[in-house]
mmCIF file of all heavy atoms, coordinates in Angstrom:
data_MODEL
# 
_entry.id   MODEL 
# 
loop_
_atom_site.group_PDB 
_atom_site.id 
_atom_site.type_symbol 
_atom_site.label_atom_id 
_atom_site.label_alt_id 
_atom_site.label_comp_id 
_atom_site.label_asym_id 
_atom_site.label_entity_id 
_atom_site.label_seq_id 
_atom_site.pdbx_PDB_ins_code 
_atom_site.Cartn_x 
_atom_site.Cartn_y 
_atom_site.Cartn_z 
_atom_site.occupancy 
_atom_site.B_iso_or_equiv 
_atom_site.pdbx_formal_charge 
_atom_site.auth_seq_id 
_atom_site.auth_comp_id 
_atom_site.auth_asym_id 
_atom_site.auth_atom_id 
_atom_site.pdbx_PDB_model_num 
ATOM 1   N N   . GLU A 1 1  ? 73.821 109.304 102.617 1.00 0.00 ? 1  GLU A N   1 
ATOM 2   C CA  . GLU A 1 1  ? 74.810 110.043 103.373 1.00 0.00 ? 1  GLU A CA  1 
ATOM 3   C C   . GLU A 1 1  ? 74.180 111.296 104.022 1.00 0.00 ? 1  GLU A C   1 
ATOM 4   O O   . GLU A 1 1  ? 74.434 111.598 105.105 1.00 0.00 ? 1  GLU A O   1 
ATOM 5   C CB  . GLU A 1 1  ? 75.979 110.546 102.471 1.00 0.00 ? 1  GLU A CB  1 
ATOM 6   C CG  . GLU A 1 1  ? 76.737 109.418 101.943 1.00 0.00 ? 1  GLU A CG  1 
ATOM 7   C CD  . GLU A 1 1  ? 77.836 109.803 100.939 1.00 0.00 ? 1  GLU A CD  1 
ATOM 8   O OE1 . GLU A 1 1  ? 77.456 110.741 100.170 1.00 0.00 ? 1  GLU A OE1 1 
ATOM 9   O OE2 . GLU A 1 1  ? 78.816 109.349 100.966 1.00 0.00 ? 1  GLU A OE2 1 
ATOM 10  N N   . ALA A 1 2  ? 73.190 111.833 103.353 1.00 0.00 ? 2  ALA A N   1 
ATOM 11  C CA  . ALA A 1 2  ? 72.568 113.014 103.836 1.00 0.00 ? 2  ALA A CA  1 
ATOM 12  C C   . ALA A 1 2  ? 71.055 112.892 103.918 1.00 0.00 ? 2  ALA A C   1 
ATOM 13  O O   . ALA A 1 2  ? 70.453 112.141 103.306 1.00 0.00 ? 2  ALA A O   1 
ATOM 14  C CB  . ALA A 1 2  ? 72.804 114.302 102.957 1.00 0.00 ? 2  ALA A CB  1 
ATOM 15  N N   . PHE A 1 3  ? 70.390 113.610 104.864 1.00 0.00 ? 3  PHE A N   1 
ATOM 16  C CA  . PHE A 1 3  ? 68.884 113.591 104.843 1.00 0.00 ? 3  PHE A CA  1 
ATOM 17  C C   . PHE A 1 3  ? 68.419 114.270 103.562 1.00 0.00 ? 3  PHE A C   1 
ATOM 18  O O   . PHE A 1 3  ? 69.008 115.100 103.020 1.00 0.00 ? 3  PHE A O   1 
ATOM 19  C CB  . PHE A 1 3  ? 68.528 114.522 105.980 1.00 0.00 ? 3  PHE A CB  1 
ATOM 20  C CG  . PHE A 1 3  ? 68.371 113.823 107.385 1.00 0.00 ? 3  PHE A CG  1 
ATOM 21  C CD1 . PHE A 1 3  ? 69.207 114.206 108.396 1.00 0.00 ? 3  PHE A CD1 1 
ATOM 22  C CD2 . PHE A 1 3  ? 67.297 112.947 107.662 1.00 0.00 ? 3  PHE A CD2 1 
ATOM 23  C CE1 . PHE A 1 3  ? 69.103 113.535 109.733 1.00 0.00 ? 3  PHE A CE1 1 
ATOM 24  C CE2 . PHE A 1 3  ? 67.216 112.373 108.751 1.00 0.00 ? 3  PHE A CE2 1 
ATOM 25  C CZ  . PHE A 1 3  ? 68.073 112.675 109.880 1.00 0.00 ? 3  PHE A CZ  1 
ATOM 26  N N   . THR A 1 4  ? 67.340 113.687 103.049 1.00 0.00 ? 4  THR A N   1 
ATOM 27  C CA  . THR A 1 4  ? 66.823 114.176 101.782 1.00 0.00 ? 4  THR A CA  1 
ATOM 28  C C   . THR A 1 4  ? 65.411 114.838 101.989 1.00 0.00 ? 4  THR A C   1 
ATOM 29  O O   . THR A 1 4  ? 64.737 115.090 101.025 1.00 0.00 ? 4  THR A O   1 
ATOM 30  C CB  . THR A 1 4  ? 66.683 113.019 100.803 1.00 0.00 ? 4  THR A CB  1 
ATOM 31  O OG1 . THR A 1 4  ? 65.794 111.936 101.379 1.00 0.00 ? 4  THR A OG1 1 
ATOM 32  C CG2 . THR A 1 4  ? 67.972 112.296 100.513 1.00 0.00 ? 4  THR A CG2 1 
ATOM 33  N N   . TYR A 1 5  ? 65.099 115.214 103.234 1.00 0.00 ? 5  TYR A N   1 
ATOM 34  C CA  . TYR A 1 5  ? 63.788 115.769 103.501 1.00 0.00 ? 5  TYR A CA  1 
ATOM 35  C C   . TYR A 1 5  ? 63.788 116.624 104.778 1.00 0.00 ? 5  TYR A C   1 
ATOM 36  O O   . TYR A 1 5  ? 64.676 116.509 105.571 1.00 0.00 ? 5  TYR A O   1 
ATOM 37  C CB  . TYR A 1 5  ? 62.676 114.680 103.670 1.00 0.00 ? 5  TYR A CB  1 
ATOM 38  C CG  . TYR A 1 5  ? 63.107 113.651 104.706 1.00 0.00 ? 5  TYR A CG  1 
ATOM 39  C CD1 . TYR A 1 5  ? 62.723 113.807 106.056 1.00 0.00 ? 5  TYR A CD1 1 
ATOM 40  C CD2 . TYR A 1 5  ? 63.838 112.478 104.372 1.00 0.00 ? 5  TYR A CD2 1 
ATOM 41  C CE1 . TYR A 1 5  ? 63.224 112.843 106.989 1.00 0.00 ? 5  TYR A CE1 1 
ATOM 42  C CE2 . TYR A 1 5  ? 64.243 111.566 105.330 1.00 0.00 ? 5  TYR A CE2 1 
ATOM 43  C CZ  . TYR A 1 5  ? 63.933 111.813 106.628 1.00 0.00 ? 5  TYR A CZ  1 
ATOM 44  O OH  . TYR A 1 5  ? 64.287 110.878 107.611 1.00 0.00 ? 5  TYR A OH  1 
ATOM 45  N N   . GLY A 1 6  ? 62.822 117.370 104.968 1.00 0.00 ? 6  GLY A N   1 
ATOM 46  C CA  . GLY A 1 6  ? 62.624 118.128 106.279 1.00 0.00 ? 6  GLY A CA  1 
ATOM 47  C C   . GLY A 1 6  ? 63.662 119.236 106.485 1.00 0.00 ? 6  GLY A C   1 
ATOM 48  O O   . GLY A 1 6  ? 64.515 119.571 105.707 1.00 0.00 ? 6  GLY A O   1 
ATOM 49  N N   . ILE A 1 7  ? 63.660 119.616 107.803 1.00 0.00 ? 7  ILE A N   1 
ATOM 50  C CA  . ILE A 1 7  ? 64.576 120.752 108.103 1.00 0.00 ? 7  ILE A CA  1 
ATOM 51  C C   . ILE A 1 7  ? 66.059 120.341 108.138 1.00 0.00 ? 7  ILE A C   1 
ATOM 52  O O   . ILE A 1 7  ? 66.908 121.164 108.139 1.00 0.00 ? 7  ILE A O   1 
ATOM 53  C CB  . ILE A 1 7  ? 64.189 121.348 109.530 1.00 0.00 ? 7  ILE A CB  1 
ATOM 54  C CG1 . ILE A 1 7  ? 64.277 120.287 110.645 1.00 0.00 ? 7  ILE A CG1 1 
ATOM 55  C CG2 . ILE A 1 7  ? 62.787 121.955 109.559 1.00 0.00 ? 7  ILE A CG2 1 
ATOM 56  C CD1 . ILE A 1 7  ? 64.065 120.820 112.014 1.00 0.00 ? 7  ILE A CD1 1 
ATOM 57  N N   . ASP A 1 8  ? 66.297 119.024 108.228 1.00 0.00 ? 8  ASP A N   1 
ATOM 58  C CA  . ASP A 1 8  ? 67.605 118.539 108.209 1.00 0.00 ? 8  ASP A CA  1 
ATOM 59  C C   . ASP A 1 8  ? 68.142 118.256 106.826 1.00 0.00 ? 8  ASP A C   1 
ATOM 60  O O   . ASP A 1 8  ? 69.184 117.721 106.704 1.00 0.00 ? 8  ASP A O   1 
ATOM 61  C CB  . ASP A 1 8  ? 67.766 117.265 109.136 1.00 0.00 ? 8  ASP A CB  1 
ATOM 62  C CG  . ASP A 1 8  ? 67.725 117.564 110.639 1.00 0.00 ? 8  ASP A CG  1 
ATOM 63  O OD1 . ASP A 1 8  ? 68.308 118.573 110.946 1.00 0.00 ? 8  ASP A OD1 1 
ATOM 64  O OD2 . ASP A 1 8  ? 67.200 116.762 111.292 1.00 0.00 ? 8  ASP A OD2 1 
ATOM 65  N N   . LYS A 1 9  ? 67.449 118.477 105.820 1.00 0.00 ? 9  LYS A N   1 
ATOM 66  C CA  . LYS A 1 9  ? 67.755 118.135 104.473 1.00 0.00 ? 9  LYS A CA  1 
ATOM 67  C C   . LYS A 1 9  ? 69.124 118.692 104.096 1.00 0.00 ? 9  LYS A C   1 
ATOM 68  O O   . LYS A 1 9  ? 69.480 119.780 104.436 1.00 0.00 ? 9  LYS A O   1 
ATOM 69  C CB  . LYS A 1 9  ? 66.731 118.727 103.498 1.00 0.00 ? 9  LYS A CB  1 
ATOM 70  C CG  . LYS A 1 9  ? 66.976 118.322 102.058 1.00 0.00 ? 9  LYS A CG  1 
ATOM 71  C CD  . LYS A 1 9  ? 65.907 118.823 101.142 1.00 0.00 ? 9  LYS A CD  1 
ATOM 72  C CE  . LYS A 1 9  ? 66.216 118.425 99.690  1.00 0.00 ? 9  LYS A CE  1 
ATOM 73  N NZ  . LYS A 1 9  ? 65.175 118.944 98.714  1.00 0.00 ? 9  LYS A NZ  1 
ATOM 74  N N   . GLY A 1 10 ? 70.005 117.843 103.560 1.00 0.00 ? 10 GLY A N   1 
ATOM 75  C CA  . GLY A 1 10 ? 71.368 118.234 103.242 1.00 0.00 ? 10 GLY A CA  1 
ATOM 76  C C   . GLY A 1 10 ? 72.352 118.058 104.316 1.00 0.00 ? 10 GLY A C   1 
ATOM 77  O O   . GLY A 1 10 ? 73.626 118.191 104.056 1.00 0.00 ? 10 GLY A O   1 
ATOM 78  N N   . THR A 1 11 ? 71.902 117.682 105.523 1.00 0.00 ? 11 THR A N   1 
ATOM 79  C CA  . THR A 1 11 ? 72.958 117.528 106.618 1.00 0.00 ? 11 THR A CA  1 
ATOM 80  C C   . THR A 1 11 ? 73.126 115.996 106.776 1.00 0.00 ? 11 THR A C   1 
ATOM 81  O O   . THR A 1 11 ? 72.490 115.199 106.234 1.00 0.00 ? 11 THR A O   1 
ATOM 82  C CB  . THR A 1 11 ? 72.393 118.128 107.951 1.00 0.00 ? 11 THR A CB  1 
ATOM 83  O OG1 . THR A 1 11 ? 71.157 117.511 108.291 1.00 0.00 ? 11 THR A OG1 1 
ATOM 84  C CG2 . THR A 1 11 ? 72.117 119.656 107.830 1.00 0.00 ? 11 THR A CG2 1 
ATOM 85  N N   . LEU A 1 12 ? 74.064 115.643 107.625 1.00 0.00 ? 12 LEU A N   1 
ATOM 86  C CA  . LEU A 1 12 ? 74.414 114.217 107.866 1.00 0.00 ? 12 LEU A CA  1 
ATOM 87  C C   . LEU A 1 12 ? 73.176 113.397 108.309 1.00 0.00 ? 12 LEU A C   1 
ATOM 88  O O   . LEU A 1 12 ? 72.532 113.839 109.205 1.00 0.00 ? 12 LEU A O   1 
ATOM 89  C CB  . LEU A 1 12 ? 75.524 114.275 108.933 1.00 0.00 ? 12 LEU A CB  1 
ATOM 90  C CG  . LEU A 1 12 ? 76.007 112.768 109.379 1.00 0.00 ? 12 LEU A CG  1 
ATOM 91  C CD1 . LEU A 1 12 ? 76.734 112.058 108.218 1.00 0.00 ? 12 LEU A CD1 1 
ATOM 92  C CD2 . LEU A 1 12 ? 76.902 112.926 110.663 1.00 0.00 ? 12 LEU A CD2 1 
ATOM 93  N N   . ASN A 1 13 ? 73.121 112.307 107.547 1.00 0.00 ? 13 ASN A N   1 
ATOM 94  C CA  . ASN A 1 13 ? 71.955 111.452 107.915 1.00 0.00 ? 13 ASN A CA  1 
ATOM 95  C C   . ASN A 1 13 ? 72.245 110.587 109.279 1.00 0.00 ? 13 ASN A C   1 
ATOM 96  O O   . ASN A 1 13 ? 73.440 110.533 109.684 1.00 0.00 ? 13 ASN A O   1 
ATOM 97  C CB  . ASN A 1 13 ? 71.700 110.406 106.858 1.00 0.00 ? 13 ASN A CB  1 
ATOM 98  C CG  . ASN A 1 13 ? 70.401 109.711 106.977 1.00 0.00 ? 13 ASN A CG  1 
ATOM 99  O OD1 . ASN A 1 13 ? 69.561 109.993 107.733 1.00 0.00 ? 13 ASN A OD1 1 
ATOM 100 N ND2 . ASN A 1 13 ? 70.332 108.541 106.198 1.00 0.00 ? 13 ASN A ND2 1 
ATOM 101 N N   . VAL A 1 14 ? 71.221 110.116 109.919 1.00 0.00 ? 14 VAL A N   1 
ATOM 102 C CA  . VAL A 1 14 ? 71.372 109.305 110.978 1.00 0.00 ? 14 VAL A CA  1 
ATOM 103 C C   . VAL A 1 14 ? 72.004 107.928 110.572 1.00 0.00 ? 14 VAL A C   1 
ATOM 104 O O   . VAL A 1 14 ? 71.746 107.517 109.546 1.00 0.00 ? 14 VAL A O   1 
ATOM 105 C CB  . VAL A 1 14 ? 70.133 109.136 111.863 1.00 0.00 ? 14 VAL A CB  1 
ATOM 106 C CG1 . VAL A 1 14 ? 69.781 110.494 112.442 1.00 0.00 ? 14 VAL A CG1 1 
ATOM 107 C CG2 . VAL A 1 14 ? 68.991 108.553 110.952 1.00 0.00 ? 14 VAL A CG2 1 
ATOM 108 N N   . ALA A 1 15 ? 72.661 107.252 111.564 1.00 0.00 ? 15 ALA A N   1 
ATOM 109 C CA  . ALA A 1 15 ? 73.237 106.000 111.257 1.00 0.00 ? 15 ALA A CA  1 
ATOM 110 C C   . ALA A 1 15 ? 73.749 105.404 112.544 1.00 0.00 ? 15 ALA A C   1 
ATOM 111 O O   . ALA A 1 15 ? 74.033 106.181 113.470 1.00 0.00 ? 15 ALA A O   1 
ATOM 112 C CB  . ALA A 1 15 ? 74.369 105.976 110.142 1.00 0.00 ? 15 ALA A CB  1 
ATOM 113 N N   . SER A 1 16 ? 73.960 104.099 112.628 1.00 0.00 ? 16 SER A N   1 
ATOM 114 C CA  . SER A 1 16 ? 74.608 103.549 113.641 1.00 0.00 ? 16 SER A CA  1 
ATOM 115 C C   . SER A 1 16 ? 75.723 102.514 113.220 1.00 0.00 ? 16 SER A C   1 
ATOM 116 O O   . SER A 1 16 ? 75.670 102.131 112.149 1.00 0.00 ? 16 SER A O   1 
ATOM 117 C CB  . SER A 1 16 ? 73.571 102.732 114.466 1.00 0.00 ? 16 SER A CB  1 
ATOM 118 O OG  . SER A 1 16 ? 74.023 102.436 115.773 1.00 0.00 ? 16 SER A OG  1 
ATOM 119 N N   . HIS A 1 17 ? 76.611 102.256 114.079 1.00 0.00 ? 17 HIS A N   1 
ATOM 120 C CA  . HIS A 1 17 ? 77.779 101.362 113.719 1.00 0.00 ? 17 HIS A CA  1 
ATOM 121 C C   . HIS A 1 17 ? 77.176 99.959  113.527 1.00 0.00 ? 17 HIS A C   1 
ATOM 122 O O   . HIS A 1 17 ? 77.717 99.274  112.637 1.00 0.00 ? 17 HIS A O   1 
ATOM 123 C CB  . HIS A 1 17 ? 78.775 101.393 114.830 1.00 0.00 ? 17 HIS A CB  1 
ATOM 124 C CG  . HIS A 1 17 ? 79.316 102.778 115.169 1.00 0.00 ? 17 HIS A CG  1 
ATOM 125 N ND1 . HIS A 1 17 ? 78.696 103.726 115.915 1.00 0.00 ? 17 HIS A ND1 1 
ATOM 126 C CD2 . HIS A 1 17 ? 80.504 103.359 114.701 1.00 0.00 ? 17 HIS A CD2 1 
ATOM 127 C CE1 . HIS A 1 17 ? 79.444 104.747 116.036 1.00 0.00 ? 17 HIS A CE1 1 
ATOM 128 N NE2 . HIS A 1 17 ? 80.489 104.577 115.247 1.00 0.00 ? 17 HIS A NE2 1 
ATOM 129 N N   . PHE A 1 18 ? 76.323 99.517  114.300 1.00 0.00 ? 18 PHE A N   1 
ATOM 130 C CA  . PHE A 1 18 ? 75.852 98.090  114.209 1.00 0.00 ? 18 PHE A CA  1 
ATOM 131 C C   . PHE A 1 18 ? 74.294 98.100  114.270 1.00 0.00 ? 18 PHE A C   1 
ATOM 132 O O   . PHE A 1 18 ? 73.631 98.904  114.788 1.00 0.00 ? 18 PHE A O   1 
ATOM 133 C CB  . PHE A 1 18 ? 76.284 97.312  115.454 1.00 0.00 ? 18 PHE A CB  1 
ATOM 134 C CG  . PHE A 1 18 ? 77.829 97.093  115.463 1.00 0.00 ? 18 PHE A CG  1 
ATOM 135 C CD1 . PHE A 1 18 ? 78.606 98.031  116.218 1.00 0.00 ? 18 PHE A CD1 1 
ATOM 136 C CD2 . PHE A 1 18 ? 78.488 96.095  114.821 1.00 0.00 ? 18 PHE A CD2 1 
ATOM 137 C CE1 . PHE A 1 18 ? 79.940 97.847  116.279 1.00 0.00 ? 18 PHE A CE1 1 
ATOM 138 C CE2 . PHE A 1 18 ? 79.829 95.998  114.860 1.00 0.00 ? 18 PHE A CE2 1 
ATOM 139 C CZ  . PHE A 1 18 ? 80.632 96.873  115.663 1.00 0.00 ? 18 PHE A CZ  1 
ATOM 140 N N   . VAL A 1 19 ? 73.773 97.050  113.663 1.00 0.00 ? 19 VAL A N   1 
ATOM 141 C CA  . VAL A 1 19 ? 72.353 96.683  113.759 1.00 0.00 ? 19 VAL A CA  1 
ATOM 142 C C   . VAL A 1 19 ? 72.348 95.200  113.983 1.00 0.00 ? 19 VAL A C   1 
ATOM 143 O O   . VAL A 1 19 ? 72.953 94.415  113.360 1.00 0.00 ? 19 VAL A O   1 
ATOM 144 C CB  . VAL A 1 19 ? 71.594 96.976  112.476 1.00 0.00 ? 19 VAL A CB  1 
ATOM 145 C CG1 . VAL A 1 19 ? 70.172 96.574  112.564 1.00 0.00 ? 19 VAL A CG1 1 
ATOM 146 C CG2 . VAL A 1 19 ? 71.671 98.475  111.982 1.00 0.00 ? 19 VAL A CG2 1 
ATOM 147 N N   . VAL A 1 20 ? 71.580 94.912  115.001 1.00 0.00 ? 20 VAL A N   1 
ATOM 148 C CA  . VAL A 1 20 ? 71.208 93.419  115.426 1.00 0.00 ? 20 VAL A CA  1 
ATOM 149 C C   . VAL A 1 20 ? 69.933 93.030  115.040 1.00 0.00 ? 20 VAL A C   1 
ATOM 150 O O   . VAL A 1 20 ? 68.914 93.648  115.447 1.00 0.00 ? 20 VAL A O   1 
ATOM 151 C CB  . VAL A 1 20 ? 71.476 93.274  116.906 1.00 0.00 ? 20 VAL A CB  1 
ATOM 152 C CG1 . VAL A 1 20 ? 71.226 91.860  117.278 1.00 0.00 ? 20 VAL A CG1 1 
ATOM 153 C CG2 . VAL A 1 20 ? 72.898 93.686  117.382 1.00 0.00 ? 20 VAL A CG2 1 
ATOM 154 N N   . ASP A 1 21 ? 69.853 92.079  114.192 1.00 0.00 ? 21 ASP A N   1 
ATOM 155 C CA  . ASP A 1 21 ? 68.473 91.588  113.667 1.00 0.00 ? 21 ASP A CA  1 
ATOM 156 C C   . ASP A 1 21 ? 67.792 90.732  114.701 1.00 0.00 ? 21 ASP A C   1 
ATOM 157 O O   . ASP A 1 21 ? 68.346 90.347  115.766 1.00 0.00 ? 21 ASP A O   1 
ATOM 158 C CB  . ASP A 1 21 ? 68.646 90.875  112.306 1.00 0.00 ? 21 ASP A CB  1 
ATOM 159 C CG  . ASP A 1 21 ? 67.495 90.968  111.445 1.00 0.00 ? 21 ASP A CG  1 
ATOM 160 O OD1 . ASP A 1 21 ? 66.425 91.391  111.870 1.00 0.00 ? 21 ASP A OD1 1 
ATOM 161 O OD2 . ASP A 1 21 ? 67.702 90.561  110.214 1.00 0.00 ? 21 ASP A OD2 1 
ATOM 162 N N   . ARG A 1 22 ? 66.526 90.381  114.330 1.00 0.00 ? 22 ARG A N   1 
ATOM 163 C CA  . ARG A 1 22 ? 65.683 89.672  115.227 1.00 0.00 ? 22 ARG A CA  1 
ATOM 164 C C   . ARG A 1 22 ? 66.274 88.383  115.838 1.00 0.00 ? 22 ARG A C   1 
ATOM 165 O O   . ARG A 1 22 ? 66.153 87.972  116.820 1.00 0.00 ? 22 ARG A O   1 
ATOM 166 C CB  . ARG A 1 22 ? 64.349 89.523  114.796 1.00 0.00 ? 22 ARG A CB  1 
ATOM 167 C CG  . ARG A 1 22 ? 63.571 90.771  114.228 1.00 0.00 ? 22 ARG A CG  1 
ATOM 168 C CD  . ARG A 1 22 ? 63.126 91.564  115.350 1.00 0.00 ? 22 ARG A CD  1 
ATOM 169 N NE  . ARG A 1 22 ? 62.038 90.951  116.165 1.00 0.00 ? 22 ARG A NE  1 
ATOM 170 C CZ  . ARG A 1 22 ? 61.610 91.471  117.317 1.00 0.00 ? 22 ARG A CZ  1 
ATOM 171 N NH1 . ARG A 1 22 ? 62.127 92.580  117.882 1.00 0.00 ? 22 ARG A NH1 1 
ATOM 172 N NH2 . ARG A 1 22 ? 60.598 90.836  118.050 1.00 0.00 ? 22 ARG A NH2 1 
ATOM 173 N N   . ASP A 1 23 ? 67.028 87.720  114.798 1.00 0.00 ? 23 ASP A N   1 
ATOM 174 C CA  . ASP A 1 23 ? 67.614 86.449  115.167 1.00 0.00 ? 23 ASP A CA  1 
ATOM 175 C C   . ASP A 1 23 ? 68.894 86.510  115.729 1.00 0.00 ? 23 ASP A C   1 
ATOM 176 O O   . ASP A 1 23 ? 69.641 85.487  115.976 1.00 0.00 ? 23 ASP A O   1 
ATOM 177 C CB  . ASP A 1 23 ? 67.681 85.691  113.823 1.00 0.00 ? 23 ASP A CB  1 
ATOM 178 C CG  . ASP A 1 23 ? 68.527 86.178  112.751 1.00 0.00 ? 23 ASP A CG  1 
ATOM 179 O OD1 . ASP A 1 23 ? 69.076 87.237  113.058 1.00 0.00 ? 23 ASP A OD1 1 
ATOM 180 O OD2 . ASP A 1 23 ? 68.684 85.534  111.719 1.00 0.00 ? 23 ASP A OD2 1 
ATOM 181 N N   . GLY A 1 24 ? 69.364 87.759  116.074 1.00 0.00 ? 24 GLY A N   1 
ATOM 182 C CA  . GLY A 1 24 ? 70.740 87.876  116.680 1.00 0.00 ? 24 GLY A CA  1 
ATOM 183 C C   . GLY A 1 24 ? 71.866 88.183  115.741 1.00 0.00 ? 24 GLY A C   1 
ATOM 184 O O   . GLY A 1 24 ? 72.968 88.324  116.110 1.00 0.00 ? 24 GLY A O   1 
ATOM 185 N N   . THR A 1 25 ? 71.584 88.127  114.435 1.00 0.00 ? 25 THR A N   1 
ATOM 186 C CA  . THR A 1 25 ? 72.540 88.454  113.443 1.00 0.00 ? 25 THR A CA  1 
ATOM 187 C C   . THR A 1 25 ? 73.076 89.948  113.587 1.00 0.00 ? 25 THR A C   1 
ATOM 188 O O   . THR A 1 25 ? 72.397 90.793  113.647 1.00 0.00 ? 25 THR A O   1 
ATOM 189 C CB  . THR A 1 25 ? 72.098 88.244  111.961 1.00 0.00 ? 25 THR A CB  1 
ATOM 190 O OG1 . THR A 1 25 ? 71.668 86.882  111.834 1.00 0.00 ? 25 THR A OG1 1 
ATOM 191 C CG2 . THR A 1 25 ? 73.157 88.544  110.957 1.00 0.00 ? 25 THR A CG2 1 
ATOM 192 N N   . ILE A 1 26 ? 74.468 89.978  113.615 1.00 0.00 ? 26 ILE A N   1 
ATOM 193 C CA  . ILE A 1 26 ? 75.080 91.324  113.888 1.00 0.00 ? 26 ILE A CA  1 
ATOM 194 C C   . ILE A 1 26 ? 75.555 91.830  112.489 1.00 0.00 ? 26 ILE A C   1 
ATOM 195 O O   . ILE A 1 26 ? 76.349 91.142  111.850 1.00 0.00 ? 26 ILE A O   1 
ATOM 196 C CB  . ILE A 1 26 ? 76.256 91.240  114.840 1.00 0.00 ? 26 ILE A CB  1 
ATOM 197 C CG1 . ILE A 1 26 ? 75.687 90.710  116.184 1.00 0.00 ? 26 ILE A CG1 1 
ATOM 198 C CG2 . ILE A 1 26 ? 76.868 92.562  114.999 1.00 0.00 ? 26 ILE A CG2 1 
ATOM 199 C CD1 . ILE A 1 26 ? 76.901 90.334  117.218 1.00 0.00 ? 26 ILE A CD1 1 
ATOM 200 N N   . TYR A 1 27 ? 75.132 93.010  112.200 1.00 0.00 ? 27 TYR A N   1 
ATOM 201 C CA  . TYR A 1 27 ? 75.602 93.761  110.994 1.00 0.00 ? 27 TYR A CA  1 
ATOM 202 C C   . TYR A 1 27 ? 76.450 95.018  111.398 1.00 0.00 ? 27 TYR A C   1 
ATOM 203 O O   . TYR A 1 27 ? 75.936 95.656  112.269 1.00 0.00 ? 27 TYR A O   1 
ATOM 204 C CB  . TYR A 1 27 ? 74.438 94.148  110.089 1.00 0.00 ? 27 TYR A CB  1 
ATOM 205 C CG  . TYR A 1 27 ? 73.663 93.016  109.529 1.00 0.00 ? 27 TYR A CG  1 
ATOM 206 C CD1 . TYR A 1 27 ? 72.513 92.507  110.208 1.00 0.00 ? 27 TYR A CD1 1 
ATOM 207 C CD2 . TYR A 1 27 ? 73.971 92.471  108.204 1.00 0.00 ? 27 TYR A CD2 1 
ATOM 208 C CE1 . TYR A 1 27 ? 71.771 91.561  109.607 1.00 0.00 ? 27 TYR A CE1 1 
ATOM 209 C CE2 . TYR A 1 27 ? 73.148 91.409  107.798 1.00 0.00 ? 27 TYR A CE2 1 
ATOM 210 C CZ  . TYR A 1 27 ? 72.137 90.916  108.435 1.00 0.00 ? 27 TYR A CZ  1 
ATOM 211 O OH  . TYR A 1 27 ? 71.346 89.971  107.919 1.00 0.00 ? 27 TYR A OH  1 
ATOM 212 N N   . ARG A 1 28 ? 77.622 95.115  110.754 1.00 0.00 ? 28 ARG A N   1 
ATOM 213 C CA  . ARG A 1 28 ? 78.379 96.308  110.951 1.00 0.00 ? 28 ARG A CA  1 
ATOM 214 C C   . ARG A 1 28 ? 78.142 97.122  109.757 1.00 0.00 ? 28 ARG A C   1 
ATOM 215 O O   . ARG A 1 28 ? 78.397 96.830  108.571 1.00 0.00 ? 28 ARG A O   1 
ATOM 216 C CB  . ARG A 1 28 ? 79.857 96.034  111.080 1.00 0.00 ? 28 ARG A CB  1 
ATOM 217 C CG  . ARG A 1 28 ? 80.746 97.255  111.287 1.00 0.00 ? 28 ARG A CG  1 
ATOM 218 C CD  . ARG A 1 28 ? 82.153 97.117  111.038 1.00 0.00 ? 28 ARG A CD  1 
ATOM 219 N NE  . ARG A 1 28 ? 82.772 96.320  112.191 1.00 0.00 ? 28 ARG A NE  1 
ATOM 220 C CZ  . ARG A 1 28 ? 83.415 95.038  112.042 1.00 0.00 ? 28 ARG A CZ  1 
ATOM 221 N NH1 . ARG A 1 28 ? 83.442 94.587  110.855 1.00 0.00 ? 28 ARG A NH1 1 
ATOM 222 N NH2 . ARG A 1 28 ? 84.073 94.514  113.105 1.00 0.00 ? 28 ARG A NH2 1 
ATOM 223 N N   . LEU A 1 29 ? 77.597 98.392  109.947 1.00 0.00 ? 29 LEU A N   1 
ATOM 224 C CA  . LEU A 1 29 ? 77.328 99.317  108.848 1.00 0.00 ? 29 LEU A CA  1 
ATOM 225 C C   . LEU A 1 29 ? 78.500 100.358 108.536 1.00 0.00 ? 29 LEU A C   1 
ATOM 226 O O   . LEU A 1 29 ? 78.666 100.858 107.372 1.00 0.00 ? 29 LEU A O   1 
ATOM 227 C CB  . LEU A 1 29 ? 76.131 100.097 109.099 1.00 0.00 ? 29 LEU A CB  1 
ATOM 228 C CG  . LEU A 1 29 ? 74.714 99.401  108.760 1.00 0.00 ? 29 LEU A CG  1 
ATOM 229 C CD1 . LEU A 1 29 ? 74.528 98.091  109.375 1.00 0.00 ? 29 LEU A CD1 1 
ATOM 230 C CD2 . LEU A 1 29 ? 73.539 100.335 109.124 1.00 0.00 ? 29 LEU A CD2 1 
# 
């Protein structure tokens, strides 16, 4: 949920709604 390192430590981590794998599989995160 949060960054665990660097100047952003403790703030909202990066994330994306979807990740598409190399074979075209769609994941909703």
